[in-house]
C-alpha atoms as a PDB file:
ATOM      1  CA  MET A   1     106.955  89.855 103.862  1.00  0.00           C
ATOM      2  CA  ALA A   2     103.251  89.133 103.505  1.00  0.00           C
ATOM      3  CA  GLN A   3     100.958  91.410 105.460  1.00  0.00           C
ATOM      4  CA  PRO A   4     100.710  89.867 108.943  1.00  0.00           C
ATOM      5  CA  ARG A   5      97.534  88.822 110.747  1.00  0.00           C
ATOM      6  CA  ILE A   6      97.902  89.999 114.315  1.00  0.00           C
ATOM      7  CA  LEU A   7      95.732  89.717 117.395  1.00  0.00           C
ATOM      8  CA  ILE A   8      96.482  92.205 120.167  1.00  0.00           C
ATOM      9  CA  LEU A   9      95.304  91.520 123.715  1.00  0.00           C
ATOM     10  CA  GLY A  10      95.512  93.538 126.909  1.00  0.00           C
ATOM     11  CA  ALA A  11      93.439  95.038 129.695  1.00  0.00           C
ATOM     12  CA  PRO A  12      91.819  98.484 129.492  1.00  0.00           C
ATOM     13  CA  GLY A  13      94.661 101.006 129.738  1.00  0.00           C
ATOM     14  CA  ALA A  14      97.332  98.601 128.485  1.00  0.00           C
ATOM     15  CA  GLY A  15      97.956 100.669 125.348  1.00  0.00           C
ATOM     16  CA  LYS A  16      96.326  98.522 122.656  1.00  0.00           C
ATOM     17  CA  GLY A  17      95.082 101.550 120.700  1.00  0.00           C
ATOM     18  CA  THR A  18      98.496 103.208 120.608  1.00  0.00           C
ATOM     19  CA  GLN A  19     100.315 100.051 119.548  1.00  0.00           C
ATOM     20  CA  SER A  20      97.621  99.068 117.044  1.00  0.00           C
ATOM     21  CA  ALA A  21      98.111 102.440 115.331  1.00  0.00           C
ATOM     22  CA  ASN A  22     101.865 101.795 115.186  1.00  0.00           C
ATOM     23  CA  ILE A  23     101.299  98.327 113.728  1.00  0.00           C
ATOM     24  CA  THR A  24      98.883  99.702 111.127  1.00  0.00           C
ATOM     25  CA  ASP A  25     101.412 102.284 109.961  1.00  0.00           C
ATOM     26  CA  GLU A  26     104.471 100.023 110.021  1.00  0.00           C
ATOM     27  CA  PHE A  27     103.032  96.888 108.435  1.00  0.00           C
ATOM     28  CA  ASP A  28     100.352  98.452 106.194  1.00  0.00           C
ATOM     29  CA  VAL A  29      97.513  96.407 107.672  1.00  0.00           C
ATOM     30  CA  GLU A  30      93.965  97.267 108.685  1.00  0.00           C
ATOM     31  CA  HIS A  31      93.035  98.021 112.286  1.00  0.00           C
ATOM     32  CA  VAL A  32      89.945  95.911 112.901  1.00  0.00           C
ATOM     33  CA  THR A  33      87.999  96.663 116.080  1.00  0.00           C
ATOM     34  CA  THR A  34      84.642  95.239 117.061  1.00  0.00           C
ATOM     35  CA  GLY A  35      83.142  98.720 117.364  1.00  0.00           C
ATOM     36  CA  ASP A  36      84.349  99.846 113.935  1.00  0.00           C
ATOM     37  CA  ALA A  37      83.243  96.563 112.345  1.00  0.00           C
ATOM     38  CA  LEU A  38      79.778  96.918 113.865  1.00  0.00           C
ATOM     39  CA  ARG A  39      79.437 100.525 112.714  1.00  0.00           C
ATOM     40  CA  SER A  40      80.607  99.612 109.203  1.00  0.00           C
ATOM     41  CA  ASN A  41      78.104  96.767 108.958  1.00  0.00           C
ATOM     42  CA  LYS A  42      75.065  98.273 110.688  1.00  0.00           C
ATOM     43  CA  GLN A  43      72.832  97.348 107.765  1.00  0.00           C
ATOM     44  CA  MET A  44      74.184  93.808 107.296  1.00  0.00           C
ATOM     45  CA  ASP A  45      71.319  91.362 106.656  1.00  0.00           C
ATOM     46  CA  ILE A  46      71.238  88.886 109.555  1.00  0.00           C
ATOM     47  CA  SER A  47      67.645  87.758 109.061  1.00  0.00           C
ATOM     48  CA  GLU A  48      68.741  84.169 108.412  1.00  0.00           C
ATOM     49  CA  MET A  49      70.137  83.975 111.954  1.00  0.00           C
ATOM     50  CA  ASP A  50      66.669  83.992 113.495  1.00  0.00           C
ATOM     51  CA  THR A  51      67.623  86.836 115.860  1.00  0.00           C
ATOM     52  CA  GLU A  52      65.315  89.478 117.305  1.00  0.00           C
ATOM     53  CA  TYR A  53      66.313  92.074 114.715  1.00  0.00           C
ATOM     54  CA  ASP A  54      67.286  91.787 111.059  1.00  0.00           C
ATOM     55  CA  THR A  55      70.328  94.114 111.179  1.00  0.00           C
ATOM     56  CA  PRO A  56      73.034  94.853 113.789  1.00  0.00           C
ATOM     57  CA  GLY A  57      72.065  98.538 113.598  1.00  0.00           C
ATOM     58  CA  GLU A  58      68.675  97.813 115.148  1.00  0.00           C
ATOM     59  CA  TYR A  59      70.350  96.382 118.260  1.00  0.00           C
ATOM     60  CA  MET A  60      72.633  99.408 118.437  1.00  0.00           C
ATOM     61  CA  ASP A  61      69.771 101.875 117.957  1.00  0.00           C
ATOM     62  CA  GLN A  62      67.872 100.217 120.824  1.00  0.00           C
ATOM     63  CA  GLY A  63      70.977 100.343 123.050  1.00  0.00           C
ATOM     64  CA  GLU A  64      70.985  96.549 123.279  1.00  0.00           C
ATOM     65  CA  LEU A  65      74.012  94.241 123.216  1.00  0.00           C
ATOM     66  CA  VAL A  66      74.601  92.705 119.806  1.00  0.00           C
ATOM     67  CA  PRO A  67      74.416  88.887 120.172  1.00  0.00           C
ATOM     68  CA  ASN A  68      77.630  86.869 120.026  1.00  0.00           C
ATOM     69  CA  GLU A  69      76.681  85.126 116.780  1.00  0.00           C
ATOM     70  CA  VAL A  70      76.133  88.483 115.064  1.00  0.00           C
ATOM     71  CA  VAL A  71      79.442  89.901 116.338  1.00  0.00           C
ATOM     72  CA  ASN A  72      81.188  86.744 115.114  1.00  0.00           C
ATOM     73  CA  ALA A  73      79.681  87.112 111.635  1.00  0.00           C
ATOM     74  CA  ILE A  74      80.659  90.777 111.415  1.00  0.00           C
ATOM     75  CA  VAL A  75      84.249  90.168 112.517  1.00  0.00           C
ATOM     76  CA  ASP A  76      84.482  87.270 110.051  1.00  0.00           C
ATOM     77  CA  GLU A  77      83.310  89.590 107.259  1.00  0.00           C
ATOM     78  CA  ALA A  78      85.772  92.331 108.249  1.00  0.00           C
ATOM     79  CA  LEU A  79      88.729  89.920 108.386  1.00  0.00           C
ATOM     80  CA  SER A  80      87.822  88.309 105.061  1.00  0.00           C
ATOM     81  CA  GLN A  81      88.128  91.710 103.374  1.00  0.00           C
ATOM     82  CA  ALA A  82      91.560  92.494 104.871  1.00  0.00           C
ATOM     83  CA  ASP A  83      94.861  91.302 103.372  1.00  0.00           C
ATOM     84  CA  GLY A  84      96.443  91.798 106.776  1.00  0.00           C
ATOM     85  CA  PHE A  85      95.134  93.150 110.043  1.00  0.00           C
ATOM     86  CA  VAL A  86      95.611  93.910 113.695  1.00  0.00           C
ATOM     87  CA  LEU A  87      92.507  92.706 115.531  1.00  0.00           C
ATOM     88  CA  ASP A  88      91.699  94.668 118.686  1.00  0.00           C
ATOM     89  CA  GLY A  89      88.760  94.120 121.067  1.00  0.00           C
ATOM     90  CA  TYR A  90      87.910  90.589 119.922  1.00  0.00           C
ATOM     91  CA  PRO A  91      87.770  87.830 121.117  1.00  0.00           C
ATOM     92  CA  ARG A  92      86.357  88.850 124.498  1.00  0.00           C
ATOM     93  CA  ASN A  93      85.612  85.319 125.701  1.00  0.00           C
ATOM     94  CA  LEU A  94      86.572  81.704 125.025  1.00  0.00           C
ATOM     95  CA  GLU A  95      83.616  81.082 122.731  1.00  0.00           C
ATOM     96  CA  GLN A  96      84.729  83.927 120.487  1.00  0.00           C
ATOM     97  CA  ALA A  97      88.348  82.697 120.594  1.00  0.00           C
ATOM     98  CA  GLU A  98      87.205  79.322 119.287  1.00  0.00           C
ATOM     99  CA  GLU A  99      85.131  81.025 116.581  1.00  0.00           C
ATOM    100  CA  LEU A 100      88.161  83.077 115.536  1.00  0.00           C
ATOM    101  CA  GLU A 101      90.121  79.888 114.874  1.00  0.00           C
ATOM    102  CA  ASP A 102      87.585  78.991 112.174  1.00  0.00           C
ATOM    103  CA  MET A 103      87.799  82.466 110.611  1.00  0.00           C
ATOM    104  CA  THR A 104      91.530  82.913 110.081  1.00  0.00           C
ATOM    105  CA  ASP A 105      95.054  81.737 110.868  1.00  0.00           C
ATOM    106  CA  LEU A 106      96.837  84.228 113.108  1.00  0.00           C
ATOM    107  CA  ASP A 107     100.522  84.948 112.614  1.00  0.00           C
ATOM    108  CA  VAL A 108     101.066  86.334 116.099  1.00  0.00           C
ATOM    109  CA  VAL A 109      99.097  86.933 119.303  1.00  0.00           C
ATOM    110  CA  LEU A 110     100.534  89.928 121.182  1.00  0.00           C
ATOM    111  CA  TYR A 111      99.701  90.409 124.852  1.00  0.00           C
ATOM    112  CA  LEU A 112     100.536  93.765 126.458  1.00  0.00           C
ATOM    113  CA  ASP A 113     101.352  92.728 130.003  1.00  0.00           C
ATOM    114  CA  VAL A 114     100.638  95.474 132.562  1.00  0.00           C
ATOM    115  CA  SER A 115     100.054  95.088 136.320  1.00  0.00           C
ATOM    116  CA  GLU A 116      96.675  96.009 137.773  1.00  0.00           C
ATOM    117  CA  GLU A 117      98.104  98.825 139.893  1.00  0.00           C
ATOM    118  CA  GLU A 118      99.745 100.420 136.856  1.00  0.00           C
ATOM    119  CA  LEU A 119      96.493 100.105 134.906  1.00  0.00           C
ATOM    120  CA  VAL A 120      94.597 101.804 137.748  1.00  0.00           C
ATOM    121  CA  HIS A 121      97.227 104.563 137.849  1.00  0.00           C
ATOM    122  CA  ARG A 122      96.943 105.141 134.111  1.00  0.00           C
ATOM    123  CA  LEU A 123      93.159 105.129 133.925  1.00  0.00           C
ATOM    124  CA  THR A 124      92.399 107.150 137.069  1.00  0.00           C
ATOM    125  CA  GLY A 125      94.913 109.788 135.969  1.00  0.00           C
ATOM    126  CA  ARG A 126      93.067 110.543 132.748  1.00  0.00           C
ATOM    127  CA  ARG A 127      91.293 113.881 132.463  1.00  0.00           C
ATOM    128  CA  MET A 128      89.051 115.311 129.760  1.00  0.00           C
ATOM    129  CA  ASP A 129      88.738 118.868 128.507  1.00  0.00           C
ATOM    130  CA  PRO A 130      84.933 119.348 128.479  1.00  0.00           C
ATOM    131  CA  GLU A 131      85.209 122.039 125.792  1.00  0.00           C
ATOM    132  CA  THR A 132      87.205 120.042 123.225  1.00  0.00           C
ATOM    133  CA  GLY A 133      86.859 116.423 124.313  1.00  0.00           C
ATOM    134  CA  GLU A 134      90.669 116.087 124.332  1.00  0.00           C
ATOM    135  CA  ILE A 135      92.049 113.506 126.771  1.00  0.00           C
ATOM    136  CA  TYR A 136      95.061 114.298 128.973  1.00  0.00           C
ATOM    137  CA  HIS A 137      96.831 112.554 131.853  1.00  0.00           C
ATOM    138  CA  VAL A 138      97.832 114.302 135.044  1.00  0.00           C
ATOM    139  CA  GLU A 139     101.297 112.720 134.939  1.00  0.00           C
ATOM    140  CA  TYR A 140     102.037 111.410 131.443  1.00  0.00           C
ATOM    141  CA  ASN A 141     100.344 114.016 129.273  1.00  0.00           C
ATOM    142  CA  PRO A 142      99.334 117.193 131.154  1.00  0.00           C
ATOM    143  CA  PRO A 143      98.222 120.211 129.096  1.00  0.00           C
ATOM    144  CA  GLU A 144     100.765 122.993 128.660  1.00  0.00           C
ATOM    145  CA  ASP A 145      98.064 125.658 128.982  1.00  0.00           C
ATOM    146  CA  SER A 146      97.142 126.350 132.631  1.00  0.00           C
ATOM    147  CA  GLU A 147      93.688 127.524 131.529  1.00  0.00           C
ATOM    148  CA  ILE A 148      93.006 124.098 130.018  1.00  0.00           C
ATOM    149  CA  GLU A 149      94.430 122.396 133.109  1.00  0.00           C
ATOM    150  CA  ASP A 150      92.028 124.293 135.372  1.00  0.00           C
ATOM    151  CA  ARG A 151      88.943 123.073 133.511  1.00  0.00           C
ATOM    152  CA  LEU A 152      89.901 119.404 133.144  1.00  0.00           C
ATOM    153  CA  GLU A 153      87.441 116.863 134.512  1.00  0.00           C
ATOM    154  CA  GLN A 154      87.657 113.220 135.473  1.00  0.00           C
ATOM    155  CA  ARG A 155      85.093 111.111 133.622  1.00  0.00           C
ATOM    156  CA  GLU A 156      82.840 108.862 135.664  1.00  0.00           C
ATOM    157  CA  ASP A 157      84.292 105.735 134.084  1.00  0.00           C
ATOM    158  CA  ASP A 158      87.807 106.783 135.156  1.00  0.00           C
ATOM    159  CA  THR A 159      87.157 106.853 138.914  1.00  0.00           C
ATOM    160  CA  GLU A 160      89.040 104.191 140.891  1.00  0.00           C
ATOM    161  CA  GLU A 161      85.893 102.282 141.819  1.00  0.00           C
ATOM    162  CA  THR A 162      84.729 102.101 138.202  1.00  0.00           C
ATOM    163  CA  VAL A 163      88.203 101.266 136.891  1.00  0.00           C
ATOM    164  CA  ARG A 164      88.642  98.371 139.304  1.00  0.00           C
ATOM    165  CA  GLU A 165      85.229  97.014 138.327  1.00  0.00           C
ATOM    166  CA  ARG A 166      86.143  97.239 134.627  1.00  0.00           C
ATOM    167  CA  LEU A 167      89.350  95.347 135.345  1.00  0.00           C
ATOM    168  CA  ARG A 168      87.452  92.723 137.340  1.00  0.00           C
ATOM    169  CA  VAL A 169      85.092  92.157 134.411  1.00  0.00           C
ATOM    170  CA  TYR A 170      88.084  91.982 132.064  1.00  0.00           C
ATOM    171  CA  ARG A 171      89.808  89.368 134.235  1.00  0.00           C
ATOM    172  CA  GLU A 172      86.639  87.301 134.465  1.00  0.00           C
ATOM    173  CA  ASN A 173      85.850  87.323 130.737  1.00  0.00           C
ATOM    174  CA  THR A 174      89.056  87.894 128.824  1.00  0.00           C
ATOM    175  CA  GLU A 175      91.900  86.510 130.941  1.00  0.00           C
ATOM    176  CA  PRO A 176      90.776  82.961 130.023  1.00  0.00           C
ATOM    177  CA  VAL A 177      91.389  84.009 126.395  1.00  0.00           C
ATOM    178  CA  VAL A 178      94.971  84.975 127.305  1.00  0.00           C
ATOM    179  CA  GLU A 179      95.427  81.590 128.985  1.00  0.00           C
ATOM    180  CA  TYR A 180      93.904  79.864 125.944  1.00  0.00           C
ATOM    181  CA  TYR A 181      96.577  81.257 123.603  1.00  0.00           C
ATOM    182  CA  ASP A 182      99.280  80.775 126.239  1.00  0.00           C
ATOM    183  CA  ASP A 183      98.397  77.084 126.520  1.00  0.00           C
ATOM    184  CA  GLN A 184      98.592  76.813 122.722  1.00  0.00           C
ATOM    185  CA  GLY A 185     102.077  78.293 122.800  1.00  0.00           C
ATOM    186  CA  THR A 186     101.095  81.140 120.457  1.00  0.00           C
ATOM    187  CA  LEU A 187     100.998  83.987 123.004  1.00  0.00           C
ATOM    188  CA  GLU A 188     103.825  86.531 122.842  1.00  0.00           C
ATOM    189  CA  ARG A 189     104.076  88.646 125.992  1.00  0.00           C
ATOM    190  CA  VAL A 190     105.294  92.233 125.669  1.00  0.00           C
ATOM    191  CA  ASP A 191     106.169  94.285 128.745  1.00  0.00           C
ATOM    192  CA  GLY A 192     103.532  96.995 128.532  1.00  0.00           C
ATOM    193  CA  GLU A 193     104.973  98.958 131.464  1.00  0.00           C
ATOM    194  CA  GLN A 194     107.874 100.262 129.401  1.00  0.00           C
ATOM    195  CA  ALA A 195     107.739 103.690 127.788  1.00  0.00           C
ATOM    196  CA  PRO A 196     105.419 103.629 124.720  1.00  0.00           C
ATOM    197  CA  ASP A 197     108.379 103.788 122.287  1.00  0.00           C
ATOM    198  CA  GLU A 198     110.031 100.850 124.038  1.00  0.00           C
ATOM    199  CA  VAL A 199     106.775  98.865 124.012  1.00  0.00           C
ATOM    200  CA  TRP A 200     106.577  99.507 120.289  1.00  0.00           C
ATOM    201  CA  GLU A 201     110.149  98.332 119.674  1.00  0.00           C
ATOM    202  CA  SER A 202     109.430  95.109 121.577  1.00  0.00           C
ATOM    203  CA  ALA A 203     106.145  94.571 119.732  1.00  0.00           C
ATOM    204  CA  LYS A 204     107.713  95.279 116.338  1.00  0.00           C
ATOM    205  CA  GLU A 205     110.582  92.828 116.955  1.00  0.00           C
ATOM    206  CA  THR A 206     108.107  90.182 118.100  1.00  0.00           C
ATOM    207  CA  ILE A 207     105.961  90.578 114.980  1.00  0.00           C
ATOM    208  CA  GLU A 208     108.948  90.550 112.641  1.00  0.00           C
ATOM    209  CA  SER A 209     110.380  87.390 114.201  1.00  0.00           C
ATOM    210  CA  ALA A 210     106.999  85.613 114.025  1.00  0.00           C
ATOM    211  CA  THR A 211     106.182  86.405 110.385  1.00  0.00           C
END
């Protein structure tokens, strides 16, 4: 089987990182994320784009959002260098979804389907060890050491108010992308509320049947 070209979609907390790692290992493909692609191409010459800066790194160093056209070019470059991939974190809007069609032909579009209440439960239950940076979950992955448990902290972006705002922004920007692929008949829904191993089995079967 040729190395598949996979797009994985899902809200924050849906488990895209976990399943992308599984896909990478199982199918020997690259995990392409927007963040990694940007960091790998910080010095890419974009002077011909007539943008404010001549490299993506200058936007990042100034703490500014990298323009859509630059992100598109970087993702295009990353995908062109990969024999197969799982693309995670792009496209974030319809414009990017249309750009992606010109970059590559996808073999499968996986959507990890998780209800908002479950997403809130997952994200608000996360805790960080301030000494090591390790992430735990009060229910799904508590530390075995009571000393570690006592010092765990909830990050500001994991409070319920912040989580619900992140999900609102996701729905506004990225749910139209889900509908876009659904309307095309290319979207494969996977029940993301199963146990991680069961989600993986469903995702693996879906990929194998589509490629």
